[in-house]
Structure formats: C-alpha cells, structure tokens
C-alpha cells in the first residue's frame, strides 16, 4: 500500500443460533427407547462486522436425550409437535398429517403414550 491509498476492511460471515422449542416424549427411531426429545430450531444468520443481519437458513430437528440421535423435521411437523407439547389444539388441516416419520414401523414418529412395560 502506498500512502494516501484508501483501504477498507470488511468483516462478514455467518453465525448459528440454536433455540430449544420444546421437550417431548417420543419413541426414538434409532435406539427404540421411549425417551425425551429436544425439539430444536437452528437459524443461520449473515453477519457484518459481527452483527447478525438476516437469516440465511432455518432448520428443525429432534434429538433423543437417551442415545443422542438427531432427526431432521420439516417446519410444519416441528410446529405441530411444538403445539402438541404446549397442549394447544391443532388446526384441523394439520391433524390429518400427524407426525409419522423417522421411526421404523407405524406410529413411532408420534408422541409416546402409555407404559410399554404393562401387559
């Protein structure tokens, strides 16, 4: 650089924020145990001079507290599980699309109800 040459340094990047939306009891698709799962929302934001400006991506997932397995969820299913955990009634259209999903076999993606050890 020569004297009098204006130079500017611009610092930019990304930063992730992790939010816990709810704790729910599900039958884990990885270990098969009925365990608490953390419903999470991960938001990645663009930063300029270490100031977060706007979100770049948003992802939802559940993580088993027993084995640590993490499963990605679509936004609609995550919102449905969050409302279910809060005990709020679900909208009529989302009741038909009950969480199915990441477990093996039918109904393992739905919240666990009952005691598996009773006969």
Protein backbone atom coordinates (compact mmCIF):
# COMPACT_ATOMS: atom_id res chain seq x y z
CA UNK A 1 0.00 0.00 0.00
CA UNK A 2 1.11 3.49 -0.69
CA UNK A 3 0.48 6.49 1.45
CA UNK A 4 -2.87 8.09 0.80
CA UNK A 5 -4.34 4.89 -0.67
CA UNK A 6 -7.74 4.39 1.00
CA UNK A 7 -8.18 0.83 2.18
CA UNK A 8 -11.18 -0.72 3.84
CA UNK A 9 -11.55 -3.95 5.74
CA UNK A 10 -14.97 -5.59 5.67
CA UNK A 11 -15.68 -8.42 8.09
CA UNK A 12 -18.57 -10.71 7.17
CA UNK A 13 -19.61 -14.28 7.82
CA UNK A 14 -22.33 -16.43 9.38
CA UNK A 15 -23.40 -17.40 12.86
CA UNK A 16 -25.74 -20.15 14.00
CA UNK A 17 -28.31 -19.77 16.76
CA UNK A 18 -29.88 -22.81 18.40
CA UNK A 19 -33.30 -22.48 20.05
CA UNK A 20 -34.99 -25.14 22.18
CA UNK A 21 -38.68 -25.09 21.28
CA UNK A 22 -39.99 -27.94 23.48
CA UNK A 23 -39.23 -31.18 25.28
CA UNK A 24 -41.43 -34.04 24.07
CA UNK A 25 -41.55 -37.77 24.72
CA UNK A 26 -41.22 -39.88 21.57
CA UNK A 27 -40.22 -43.40 20.70
CA UNK A 28 -36.73 -42.98 19.27
CA UNK A 29 -36.26 -44.30 15.74
CA UNK A 30 -32.57 -45.01 16.36
CA UNK A 31 -32.45 -46.75 19.76
CA UNK A 32 -36.13 -47.76 20.09
CA UNK A 33 -36.47 -46.35 23.61
CA UNK A 34 -39.31 -44.09 24.73
CA UNK A 35 -37.32 -41.03 25.74
CA UNK A 36 -37.48 -37.26 25.96
CA UNK A 37 -36.54 -35.50 22.76
CA UNK A 38 -35.49 -31.88 22.41
CA UNK A 39 -37.30 -30.07 19.61
CA UNK A 40 -34.78 -27.59 18.19
CA UNK A 41 -34.68 -24.76 15.70
CA UNK A 42 -31.32 -23.80 14.18
CA UNK A 43 -31.13 -20.41 12.46
CA UNK A 44 -28.04 -19.39 10.48
CA UNK A 45 -27.68 -15.61 10.07
CA UNK A 46 -25.45 -13.49 7.87
CA UNK A 47 -23.22 -11.18 9.91
CA UNK A 48 -21.47 -7.96 9.00
CA UNK A 49 -18.87 -6.72 11.48
CA UNK A 50 -20.11 -9.40 13.92
CA UNK A 51 -23.67 -8.00 13.83
CA UNK A 52 -26.31 -10.55 12.75
CA UNK A 53 -28.37 -9.01 9.94
CA UNK A 54 -30.76 -11.53 8.39
CA UNK A 55 -31.42 -15.27 8.46
CA UNK A 56 -29.94 -17.39 5.68
CA UNK A 57 -31.45 -20.75 6.65
CA UNK A 58 -33.71 -22.28 9.28
CA UNK A 59 -33.75 -26.00 10.13
CA UNK A 60 -35.78 -28.00 12.63
CA UNK A 61 -34.80 -31.26 14.33
CA UNK A 62 -35.37 -33.51 17.32
CA UNK A 63 -32.59 -35.02 19.41
CA UNK A 64 -33.03 -38.07 21.63
CA UNK A 65 -31.79 -37.49 25.18
CA UNK A 66 -31.14 -41.22 25.59
CA UNK A 67 -28.87 -42.01 22.62
CA UNK A 68 -28.22 -38.55 21.14
CA UNK A 69 -29.58 -39.39 17.67
CA UNK A 70 -30.80 -36.36 15.76
CA UNK A 71 -33.56 -36.37 13.13
CA UNK A 72 -34.41 -33.51 10.77
CA UNK A 73 -38.04 -32.38 10.53
CA UNK A 74 -39.96 -30.19 8.11
CA UNK A 75 -41.21 -26.88 9.53
CA UNK A 76 -44.87 -27.97 9.54
CA UNK A 77 -44.18 -31.10 11.58
CA UNK A 78 -41.99 -29.17 14.04
CA UNK A 79 -44.76 -26.61 14.59
CA UNK A 80 -47.29 -29.40 15.10
CA UNK A 81 -45.07 -31.07 17.72
CA UNK A 82 -44.47 -27.73 19.45
CA UNK A 83 -48.20 -27.05 19.69
CA UNK A 84 -48.81 -30.58 20.91
CA UNK A 85 -46.16 -30.18 23.63
CA UNK A 86 -47.81 -26.95 24.80
CA UNK A 87 -51.19 -28.67 24.97
CA UNK A 88 -52.78 -26.35 22.41
CA UNK A 89 -55.38 -27.65 19.94
CA UNK A 90 -54.01 -28.24 16.48
CA UNK A 91 -55.52 -26.71 13.34
CA UNK A 92 -57.98 -29.03 11.56
CA UNK A 93 -55.83 -29.45 8.46
CA UNK A 94 -52.69 -30.48 10.37
CA UNK A 95 -54.49 -33.15 12.43
CA UNK A 96 -54.72 -35.36 9.36
CA UNK A 97 -50.97 -35.02 8.82
CA UNK A 98 -49.92 -36.49 12.16
CA UNK A 99 -46.20 -36.92 12.71
CA UNK A 100 -45.20 -40.21 11.11
CA UNK A 101 -41.87 -40.46 10.39
CA UNK A 102 -38.50 -41.10 11.35
CA UNK A 103 -39.18 -44.30 13.29
CA UNK A 104 -39.31 -47.80 11.92
CA UNK A 105 -42.85 -49.05 11.55
CA UNK A 106 -46.11 -47.18 12.06
CA UNK A 107 -46.67 -44.73 14.84
CA UNK A 108 -43.13 -44.43 16.14
CA UNK A 109 -42.89 -40.82 14.99
CA UNK A 110 -45.95 -39.94 17.07
CA UNK A 111 -45.60 -38.98 20.73
CA UNK A 112 -45.35 -41.96 23.03
CA UNK A 113 -48.37 -42.60 25.23
CA UNK A 114 -48.77 -45.40 27.73
CA UNK A 115 -46.40 -47.71 29.53
CA UNK A 116 -44.60 -50.30 27.34
CA UNK A 117 -43.92 -52.47 30.37
CA UNK A 118 -47.58 -53.09 31.27
CA UNK A 119 -49.34 -56.17 29.95
